[in-house]
mmCIF file of all heavy atoms, coordinates in Angstrom:
data_MODEL
# 
_entry.id   MODEL 
# 
loop_
_atom_site.group_PDB 
_atom_site.id 
_atom_site.type_symbol 
_atom_site.label_atom_id 
_atom_site.label_alt_id 
_atom_site.label_comp_id 
_atom_site.label_asym_id 
_atom_site.label_entity_id 
_atom_site.label_seq_id 
_atom_site.pdbx_PDB_ins_code 
_atom_site.Cartn_x 
_atom_site.Cartn_y 
_atom_site.Cartn_z 
_atom_site.occupancy 
_atom_site.B_iso_or_equiv 
_atom_site.pdbx_formal_charge 
_atom_site.auth_seq_id 
_atom_site.auth_comp_id 
_atom_site.auth_asym_id 
_atom_site.auth_atom_id 
_atom_site.pdbx_PDB_model_num 
ATOM 1   N N   . ALA A 1 1  ? -8.761  26.304 30.064 1.00 0.00 ? 1  ALA A N   1 
ATOM 2   C CA  . ALA A 1 1  ? -8.106  27.464 29.447 1.00 0.00 ? 1  ALA A CA  1 
ATOM 3   C C   . ALA A 1 1  ? -7.801  27.210 27.968 1.00 0.00 ? 1  ALA A C   1 
ATOM 4   O O   . ALA A 1 1  ? -7.944  28.098 27.122 1.00 0.00 ? 1  ALA A O   1 
ATOM 5   C CB  . ALA A 1 1  ? -6.835  27.813 30.193 1.00 0.00 ? 1  ALA A CB  1 
ATOM 6   N N   . LEU A 1 2  ? -7.395  25.985 27.656 1.00 0.00 ? 2  LEU A N   1 
ATOM 7   C CA  . LEU A 1 2  ? -7.149  25.640 26.274 1.00 0.00 ? 2  LEU A CA  1 
ATOM 8   C C   . LEU A 1 2  ? -8.428  25.736 25.441 1.00 0.00 ? 2  LEU A C   1 
ATOM 9   O O   . LEU A 1 2  ? -8.414  26.164 24.294 1.00 0.00 ? 2  LEU A O   1 
ATOM 10  C CB  . LEU A 1 2  ? -6.561  24.221 26.172 1.00 0.00 ? 2  LEU A CB  1 
ATOM 11  C CG  . LEU A 1 2  ? -5.119  24.055 26.651 1.00 0.00 ? 2  LEU A CG  1 
ATOM 12  C CD1 . LEU A 1 2  ? -4.796  22.568 26.824 1.00 0.00 ? 2  LEU A CD1 1 
ATOM 13  C CD2 . LEU A 1 2  ? -4.158  24.702 25.652 1.00 0.00 ? 2  LEU A CD2 1 
ATOM 14  N N   . ALA A 1 3  ? -9.531  25.286 26.034 1.00 0.00 ? 3  ALA A N   1 
ATOM 15  C CA  . ALA A 1 3  ? -10.832 25.376 25.341 1.00 0.00 ? 3  ALA A CA  1 
ATOM 16  C C   . ALA A 1 3  ? -11.191 26.834 25.052 1.00 0.00 ? 3  ALA A C   1 
ATOM 17  O O   . ALA A 1 3  ? -11.692 27.156 23.942 1.00 0.00 ? 3  ALA A O   1 
ATOM 18  C CB  . ALA A 1 3  ? -11.903 24.690 26.169 1.00 0.00 ? 3  ALA A CB  1 
ATOM 19  N N   . THR A 1 4  ? -10.978 27.709 26.020 1.00 0.00 ? 4  THR A N   1 
ATOM 20  C CA  . THR A 1 4  ? -11.267 29.121 25.827 1.00 0.00 ? 4  THR A CA  1 
ATOM 21  C C   . THR A 1 4  ? -10.404 29.681 24.708 1.00 0.00 ? 4  THR A C   1 
ATOM 22  O O   . THR A 1 4  ? -10.883 30.434 23.844 1.00 0.00 ? 4  THR A O   1 
ATOM 23  C CB  . THR A 1 4  ? -11.026 29.911 27.121 1.00 0.00 ? 4  THR A CB  1 
ATOM 24  O OG1 . THR A 1 4  ? -11.890 29.401 28.143 1.00 0.00 ? 4  THR A OG1 1 
ATOM 25  C CG2 . THR A 1 4  ? -11.281 31.391 26.939 1.00 0.00 ? 4  THR A CG2 1 
ATOM 26  N N   . MET A 1 5  ? -9.108  29.325 24.698 1.00 0.00 ? 5  MET A N   1 
ATOM 27  C CA  . MET A 1 5  ? -8.214  29.768 23.663 1.00 0.00 ? 5  MET A CA  1 
ATOM 28  C C   . MET A 1 5  ? -8.668  29.296 22.294 1.00 0.00 ? 5  MET A C   1 
ATOM 29  O O   . MET A 1 5  ? -8.701  30.059 21.321 1.00 0.00 ? 5  MET A O   1 
ATOM 30  C CB  . MET A 1 5  ? -6.799  29.234 23.963 1.00 0.00 ? 5  MET A CB  1 
ATOM 31  C CG  . MET A 1 5  ? -5.747  29.539 22.893 1.00 0.00 ? 5  MET A CG  1 
ATOM 32  S SD  . MET A 1 5  ? -5.712  28.421 21.427 1.00 0.00 ? 5  MET A SD  1 
ATOM 33  C CE  . MET A 1 5  ? -5.502  26.825 22.213 1.00 0.00 ? 5  MET A CE  1 
ATOM 34  N N   . ARG A 1 6  ? -9.083  28.020 22.212 1.00 0.00 ? 6  ARG A N   1 
ATOM 35  C CA  . ARG A 1 6  ? -9.458  27.482 20.912 1.00 0.00 ? 6  ARG A CA  1 
ATOM 36  C C   . ARG A 1 6  ? -10.707 28.164 20.381 1.00 0.00 ? 6  ARG A C   1 
ATOM 37  O O   . ARG A 1 6  ? -10.814 28.430 19.154 1.00 0.00 ? 6  ARG A O   1 
ATOM 38  C CB  . ARG A 1 6  ? -9.690  25.961 21.038 1.00 0.00 ? 6  ARG A CB  1 
ATOM 39  C CG  . ARG A 1 6  ? -9.924  25.272 19.698 1.00 0.00 ? 6  ARG A CG  1 
ATOM 40  C CD  . ARG A 1 6  ? -9.993  23.754 19.850 1.00 0.00 ? 6  ARG A CD  1 
ATOM 41  N NE  . ARG A 1 6  ? -10.419 23.126 18.613 1.00 0.00 ? 6  ARG A NE  1 
ATOM 42  C CZ  . ARG A 1 6  ? -9.592  22.690 17.653 1.00 0.00 ? 6  ARG A CZ  1 
ATOM 43  N NH1 . ARG A 1 6  ? -8.288  22.820 17.813 1.00 0.00 ? 6  ARG A NH1 1 
ATOM 44  N NH2 . ARG A 1 6  ? -10.060 22.147 16.554 1.00 0.00 ? 6  ARG A NH2 1 
ATOM 45  N N   . ARG A 1 7  ? -11.662 28.482 21.241 1.00 0.00 ? 7  ARG A N   1 
ATOM 46  C CA  . ARG A 1 7  ? -12.850 29.191 20.796 1.00 0.00 ? 7  ARG A CA  1 
ATOM 47  C C   . ARG A 1 7  ? -12.504 30.576 20.243 1.00 0.00 ? 7  ARG A C   1 
ATOM 48  O O   . ARG A 1 7  ? -13.201 31.091 19.341 1.00 0.00 ? 7  ARG A O   1 
ATOM 49  C CB  . ARG A 1 7  ? -13.836 29.321 21.947 1.00 0.00 ? 7  ARG A CB  1 
ATOM 50  C CG  . ARG A 1 7  ? -14.598 28.046 22.267 1.00 0.00 ? 7  ARG A CG  1 
ATOM 51  C CD  . ARG A 1 7  ? -15.791 28.307 23.159 1.00 0.00 ? 7  ARG A CD  1 
ATOM 52  N NE  . ARG A 1 7  ? -15.404 28.804 24.487 1.00 0.00 ? 7  ARG A NE  1 
ATOM 53  C CZ  . ARG A 1 7  ? -15.206 27.996 25.512 1.00 0.00 ? 7  ARG A CZ  1 
ATOM 54  N NH1 . ARG A 1 7  ? -15.374 26.690 25.413 1.00 0.00 ? 7  ARG A NH1 1 
ATOM 55  N NH2 . ARG A 1 7  ? -14.859 28.493 26.704 1.00 0.00 ? 7  ARG A NH2 1 
ATOM 56  N N   . ALA A 1 8  ? -11.431 31.183 20.765 1.00 0.00 ? 8  ALA A N   1 
ATOM 57  C CA  . ALA A 1 8  ? -11.047 32.520 20.341 1.00 0.00 ? 8  ALA A CA  1 
ATOM 58  C C   . ALA A 1 8  ? -10.096 32.506 19.127 1.00 0.00 ? 8  ALA A C   1 
ATOM 59  O O   . ALA A 1 8  ? -9.710  33.577 18.661 1.00 0.00 ? 8  ALA A O   1 
ATOM 60  C CB  . ALA A 1 8  ? -10.381 33.253 21.499 1.00 0.00 ? 8  ALA A CB  1 
ATOM 61  N N   . ALA A 1 9  ? -9.750  31.313 18.631 1.00 0.00 ? 9  ALA A N   1 
ATOM 62  C CA  . ALA A 1 9  ? -8.828  31.195 17.535 1.00 0.00 ? 9  ALA A CA  1 
ATOM 63  C C   . ALA A 1 9  ? -9.449  30.379 16.401 1.00 0.00 ? 9  ALA A C   1 
ATOM 64  O O   . ALA A 1 9  ? -9.214  29.173 16.318 1.00 0.00 ? 9  ALA A O   1 
ATOM 65  C CB  . ALA A 1 9  ? -7.519  30.540 18.023 1.00 0.00 ? 9  ALA A CB  1 
ATOM 66  N N   . PRO A 1 10 ? -10.261 31.010 15.564 1.00 0.00 ? 10 PRO A N   1 
ATOM 67  C CA  . PRO A 1 10 ? -10.935 30.253 14.485 1.00 0.00 ? 10 PRO A CA  1 
ATOM 68  C C   . PRO A 1 10 ? -9.989  29.559 13.544 1.00 0.00 ? 10 PRO A C   1 
ATOM 69  O O   . PRO A 1 10 ? -10.419 28.615 12.858 1.00 0.00 ? 10 PRO A O   1 
ATOM 70  C CB  . PRO A 1 10 ? -11.768 31.338 13.785 1.00 0.00 ? 10 PRO A CB  1 
ATOM 71  C CG  . PRO A 1 10 ? -11.174 32.661 14.198 1.00 0.00 ? 10 PRO A CG  1 
ATOM 72  C CD  . PRO A 1 10 ? -10.618 32.426 15.561 1.00 0.00 ? 10 PRO A CD  1 
ATOM 73  N N   . ALA A 1 11 ? -8.743  29.965 13.492 1.00 0.00 ? 11 ALA A N   1 
ATOM 74  C CA  . ALA A 1 11 ? -7.785  29.270 12.611 1.00 0.00 ? 11 ALA A CA  1 
ATOM 75  C C   . ALA A 1 11 ? -7.605  27.810 13.007 1.00 0.00 ? 11 ALA A C   1 
ATOM 76  O O   . ALA A 1 11 ? -7.224  26.980 12.183 1.00 0.00 ? 11 ALA A O   1 
ATOM 77  C CB  . ALA A 1 11 ? -6.448  29.995 12.629 1.00 0.00 ? 11 ALA A CB  1 
ATOM 78  N N   . LEU A 1 12 ? -7.868  27.488 14.284 1.00 0.00 ? 12 LEU A N   1 
ATOM 79  C CA  . LEU A 1 12 ? -7.690  26.105 14.729 1.00 0.00 ? 12 LEU A CA  1 
ATOM 80  C C   . LEU A 1 12 ? -8.846  25.209 14.324 1.00 0.00 ? 12 LEU A C   1 
ATOM 81  O O   . LEU A 1 12 ? -8.664  24.020 14.089 1.00 0.00 ? 12 LEU A O   1 
ATOM 82  C CB  . LEU A 1 12 ? -7.476  26.072 16.240 1.00 0.00 ? 12 LEU A CB  1 
ATOM 83  C CG  . LEU A 1 12 ? -6.175  26.721 16.729 1.00 0.00 ? 12 LEU A CG  1 
ATOM 84  C CD1 . LEU A 1 12 ? -6.107  26.725 18.233 1.00 0.00 ? 12 LEU A CD1 1 
ATOM 85  C CD2 . LEU A 1 12 ? -4.941  25.995 16.140 1.00 0.00 ? 12 LEU A CD2 1 
ATOM 86  N N   . SER A 1 13 ? -10.056 25.747 14.314 1.00 0.00 ? 13 SER A N   1 
ATOM 87  C CA  . SER A 1 13 ? -11.196 24.916 13.908 1.00 0.00 ? 13 SER A CA  1 
ATOM 88  C C   . SER A 1 13 ? -11.377 24.870 12.403 1.00 0.00 ? 13 SER A C   1 
ATOM 89  O O   . SER A 1 13 ? -12.217 24.108 11.909 1.00 0.00 ? 13 SER A O   1 
ATOM 90  C CB  . SER A 1 13 ? -12.477 25.448 14.575 1.00 0.00 ? 13 SER A CB  1 
ATOM 91  O OG  . SER A 1 13 ? -12.697 26.790 14.219 1.00 0.00 ? 13 SER A OG  1 
ATOM 92  N N   . ASP A 1 14 ? -10.590 25.622 11.690 1.00 0.00 ? 14 ASP A N   1 
ATOM 93  C CA  . ASP A 1 14 ? -10.649 25.655 10.225 1.00 0.00 ? 14 ASP A CA  1 
ATOM 94  C C   . ASP A 1 14 ? -10.123 24.301 9.712  1.00 0.00 ? 14 ASP A C   1 
ATOM 95  O O   . ASP A 1 14 ? -9.065  23.821 10.105 1.00 0.00 ? 14 ASP A O   1 
ATOM 96  C CB  . ASP A 1 14 ? -9.787  26.788 9.695  1.00 0.00 ? 14 ASP A CB  1 
ATOM 97  C CG  . ASP A 1 14 ? -10.075 27.118 8.245  1.00 0.00 ? 14 ASP A CG  1 
ATOM 98  O OD1 . ASP A 1 14 ? -10.512 26.226 7.501  1.00 0.00 ? 14 ASP A OD1 1 
ATOM 99  O OD2 . ASP A 1 14 ? -9.837  28.262 7.854  1.00 0.00 ? 14 ASP A OD2 1 
ATOM 100 N N   . THR A 1 15 ? -10.889 23.663 8.828  1.00 0.00 ? 15 THR A N   1 
ATOM 101 C CA  . THR A 1 15 ? -10.480 22.357 8.304  1.00 0.00 ? 15 THR A CA  1 
ATOM 102 C C   . THR A 1 15 ? -9.803  22.450 6.929  1.00 0.00 ? 15 THR A C   1 
ATOM 103 O O   . THR A 1 15 ? -9.418  21.431 6.362  1.00 0.00 ? 15 THR A O   1 
ATOM 104 C CB  . THR A 1 15 ? -11.702 21.425 8.175  1.00 0.00 ? 15 THR A CB  1 
ATOM 105 O OG1 . THR A 1 15 ? -12.647 21.983 7.297  1.00 0.00 ? 15 THR A OG1 1 
ATOM 106 C CG2 . THR A 1 15 ? -12.328 21.202 9.543  1.00 0.00 ? 15 THR A CG2 1 
ATOM 107 N N   . ARG A 1 16 ? -9.663  23.665 6.386  1.00 0.00 ? 16 ARG A N   1 
ATOM 108 C CA  . ARG A 1 16 ? -9.015  23.794 5.079  1.00 0.00 ? 16 ARG A CA  1 
ATOM 109 C C   . ARG A 1 16 ? -7.527  23.509 5.195  1.00 0.00 ? 16 ARG A C   1 
ATOM 110 O O   . ARG A 1 16 ? -6.890  23.857 6.183  1.00 0.00 ? 16 ARG A O   1 
ATOM 111 C CB  . ARG A 1 16 ? -9.241  25.199 4.520  1.00 0.00 ? 16 ARG A CB  1 
ATOM 112 C CG  . ARG A 1 16 ? -10.706 25.490 4.116  1.00 0.00 ? 16 ARG A CG  1 
ATOM 113 C CD  . ARG A 1 16 ? -10.863 26.947 3.731  1.00 0.00 ? 16 ARG A CD  1 
ATOM 114 N NE  . ARG A 1 16 ? -10.638 27.841 4.867  1.00 0.00 ? 16 ARG A NE  1 
ATOM 115 C CZ  . ARG A 1 16 ? -10.768 29.167 4.825  1.00 0.00 ? 16 ARG A CZ  1 
ATOM 116 N NH1 . ARG A 1 16 ? -11.116 29.747 3.689  1.00 0.00 ? 16 ARG A NH1 1 
ATOM 117 N NH2 . ARG A 1 16 ? -10.530 29.885 5.896  1.00 0.00 ? 16 ARG A NH2 1 
ATOM 118 N N   . PHE A 1 17 ? -6.974  22.928 4.127  1.00 0.00 ? 17 PHE A N   1 
ATOM 119 C CA  . PHE A 1 17 ? -5.530  22.663 4.142  1.00 0.00 ? 17 PHE A CA  1 
ATOM 120 C C   . PHE A 1 17 ? -4.767  23.970 3.981  1.00 0.00 ? 17 PHE A C   1 
ATOM 121 O O   . PHE A 1 17 ? -5.221  24.925 3.342  1.00 0.00 ? 17 PHE A O   1 
ATOM 122 C CB  . PHE A 1 17 ? -5.175  21.705 2.989  1.00 0.00 ? 17 PHE A CB  1 
ATOM 123 C CG  . PHE A 1 17 ? -5.716  20.315 3.194  1.00 0.00 ? 17 PHE A CG  1 
ATOM 124 C CD1 . PHE A 1 17 ? -6.563  19.734 2.257  1.00 0.00 ? 17 PHE A CD1 1 
ATOM 125 C CD2 . PHE A 1 17 ? -5.391  19.587 4.332  1.00 0.00 ? 17 PHE A CD2 1 
ATOM 126 C CE1 . PHE A 1 17 ? -7.048  18.458 2.447  1.00 0.00 ? 17 PHE A CE1 1 
ATOM 127 C CE2 . PHE A 1 17 ? -5.887  18.316 4.524  1.00 0.00 ? 17 PHE A CE2 1 
ATOM 128 C CZ  . PHE A 1 17 ? -6.718  17.743 3.578  1.00 0.00 ? 17 PHE A CZ  1 
ATOM 129 N N   . LEU A 1 18 ? -3.585  23.999 4.596  1.00 0.00 ? 18 LEU A N   1 
ATOM 130 C CA  . LEU A 1 18 ? -2.723  25.166 4.565  1.00 0.00 ? 18 LEU A CA  1 
ATOM 131 C C   . LEU A 1 18 ? -1.823  25.147 3.324  1.00 0.00 ? 18 LEU A C   1 
ATOM 132 O O   . LEU A 1 18 ? -1.436  24.077 2.851  1.00 0.00 ? 18 LEU A O   1 
ATOM 133 C CB  . LEU A 1 18 ? -1.888  25.226 5.835  1.00 0.00 ? 18 LEU A CB  1 
ATOM 134 C CG  . LEU A 1 18 ? -2.691  25.327 7.141  1.00 0.00 ? 18 LEU A CG  1 
ATOM 135 C CD1 . LEU A 1 18 ? -1.799  25.022 8.353  1.00 0.00 ? 18 LEU A CD1 1 
ATOM 136 C CD2 . LEU A 1 18 ? -3.331  26.713 7.271  1.00 0.00 ? 18 LEU A CD2 1 
ATOM 137 N N   . SER A 1 19 ? -1.467  26.337 2.871  1.00 0.00 ? 19 SER A N   1 
ATOM 138 C CA  . SER A 1 19 ? -0.628  26.448 1.669  1.00 0.00 ? 19 SER A CA  1 
ATOM 139 C C   . SER A 1 19 ? 0.681   27.155 1.917  1.00 0.00 ? 19 SER A C   1 
ATOM 140 O O   . SER A 1 19 ? 1.626   27.057 1.129  1.00 0.00 ? 19 SER A O   1 
ATOM 141 C CB  . SER A 1 19 ? -1.398  27.182 0.565  1.00 0.00 ? 19 SER A CB  1 
ATOM 142 O OG  . SER A 1 19 ? -1.594  28.546 0.934  1.00 0.00 ? 19 SER A OG  1 
ATOM 143 N N   . GLY A 1 20 ? 0.764   27.922 3.011  1.00 0.00 ? 20 GLY A N   1 
ATOM 144 C CA  . GLY A 1 20 ? 1.948   28.730 3.241  1.00 0.00 ? 20 GLY A CA  1 
ATOM 145 C C   . GLY A 1 20 ? 1.882   30.055 2.494  1.00 0.00 ? 20 GLY A C   1 
ATOM 146 O O   . GLY A 1 20 ? 2.823   30.874 2.565  1.00 0.00 ? 20 GLY A O   1 
ATOM 147 N N   . GLU A 1 21 ? 0.777   30.313 1.795  1.00 0.00 ? 21 GLU A N   1 
ATOM 148 C CA  . GLU A 1 21 ? 0.560   31.543 1.066  1.00 0.00 ? 21 GLU A CA  1 
ATOM 149 C C   . GLU A 1 21 ? -0.561  32.366 1.720  1.00 0.00 ? 21 GLU A C   1 
ATOM 150 O O   . GLU A 1 21 ? -1.404  31.825 2.426  1.00 0.00 ? 21 GLU A O   1 
ATOM 151 C CB  . GLU A 1 21 ? 0.168   31.222 -0.391 1.00 0.00 ? 21 GLU A CB  1 
ATOM 152 C CG  . GLU A 1 21 ? 1.194   30.415 -1.145 1.00 0.00 ? 21 GLU A CG  1 
ATOM 153 C CD  . GLU A 1 21 ? 2.498   31.145 -1.364 1.00 0.00 ? 21 GLU A CD  1 
ATOM 154 O OE1 . GLU A 1 21 ? 2.457   32.403 -1.449 1.00 0.00 ? 21 GLU A OE1 1 
ATOM 155 O OE2 . GLU A 1 21 ? 3.548   30.494 -1.404 1.00 0.00 ? 21 GLU A OE2 1 
ATOM 156 N N   . PRO A 1 22 ? -0.565  33.676 1.461  1.00 0.00 ? 22 PRO A N   1 
ATOM 157 C CA  . PRO A 1 22 ? -1.638  34.510 2.030  1.00 0.00 ? 22 PRO A CA  1 
ATOM 158 C C   . PRO A 1 22 ? -2.979  34.165 1.384  1.00 0.00 ? 22 PRO A C   1 
ATOM 159 O O   . PRO A 1 22 ? -3.063  34.025 0.158  1.00 0.00 ? 22 PRO A O   1 
ATOM 160 C CB  . PRO A 1 22 ? -1.214  35.933 1.699  1.00 0.00 ? 22 PRO A CB  1 
ATOM 161 C CG  . PRO A 1 22 ? 0.248   35.857 1.400  1.00 0.00 ? 22 PRO A CG  1 
ATOM 162 C CD  . PRO A 1 22 ? 0.489   34.510 0.803  1.00 0.00 ? 22 PRO A CD  1 
ATOM 163 N N   . PRO A 1 23 ? -4.049  34.051 2.180  1.00 0.00 ? 23 PRO A N   1 
ATOM 164 C CA  . PRO A 1 23 ? -5.374  33.869 1.602  1.00 0.00 ? 23 PRO A CA  1 
ATOM 165 C C   . PRO A 1 23 ? -5.791  35.118 0.850  1.00 0.00 ? 23 PRO A C   1 
ATOM 166 O O   . PRO A 1 23 ? -5.178  36.199 0.999  1.00 0.00 ? 23 PRO A O   1 
ATOM 167 C CB  . PRO A 1 23 ? -6.270  33.631 2.819  1.00 0.00 ? 23 PRO A CB  1 
ATOM 168 C CG  . PRO A 1 23 ? -5.344  33.389 3.969  1.00 0.00 ? 23 PRO A CG  1 
ATOM 169 C CD  . PRO A 1 23 ? -4.054  34.057 3.647  1.00 0.00 ? 23 PRO A CD  1 
ATOM 170 N N   . VAL A 1 24 ? -6.794  34.994 0.049  1.00 0.00 ? 24 VAL A N   1 
ATOM 171 C CA  . VAL A 1 24 ? -7.342  36.146 -0.690 1.00 0.00 ? 24 VAL A CA  1 
ATOM 172 C C   . VAL A 1 24 ? -7.767  37.224 0.289  1.00 0.00 ? 24 VAL A C   1 
ATOM 173 O O   . VAL A 1 24 ? -8.443  36.970 1.280  1.00 0.00 ? 24 VAL A O   1 
ATOM 174 C CB  . VAL A 1 24 ? -8.532  35.710 -1.572 1.00 0.00 ? 24 VAL A CB  1 
ATOM 175 C CG1 . VAL A 1 24 ? -9.152  36.940 -2.258 1.00 0.00 ? 24 VAL A CG1 1 
ATOM 176 C CG2 . VAL A 1 24 ? -8.110  34.692 -2.605 1.00 0.00 ? 24 VAL A CG2 1 
# 
């Protein structure tokens, strides 16, 4: 179930660092 969730949540596979600000 966790694997299914992760596939549906591209924010988790994203390797970019977070800023706390809205993306463009």
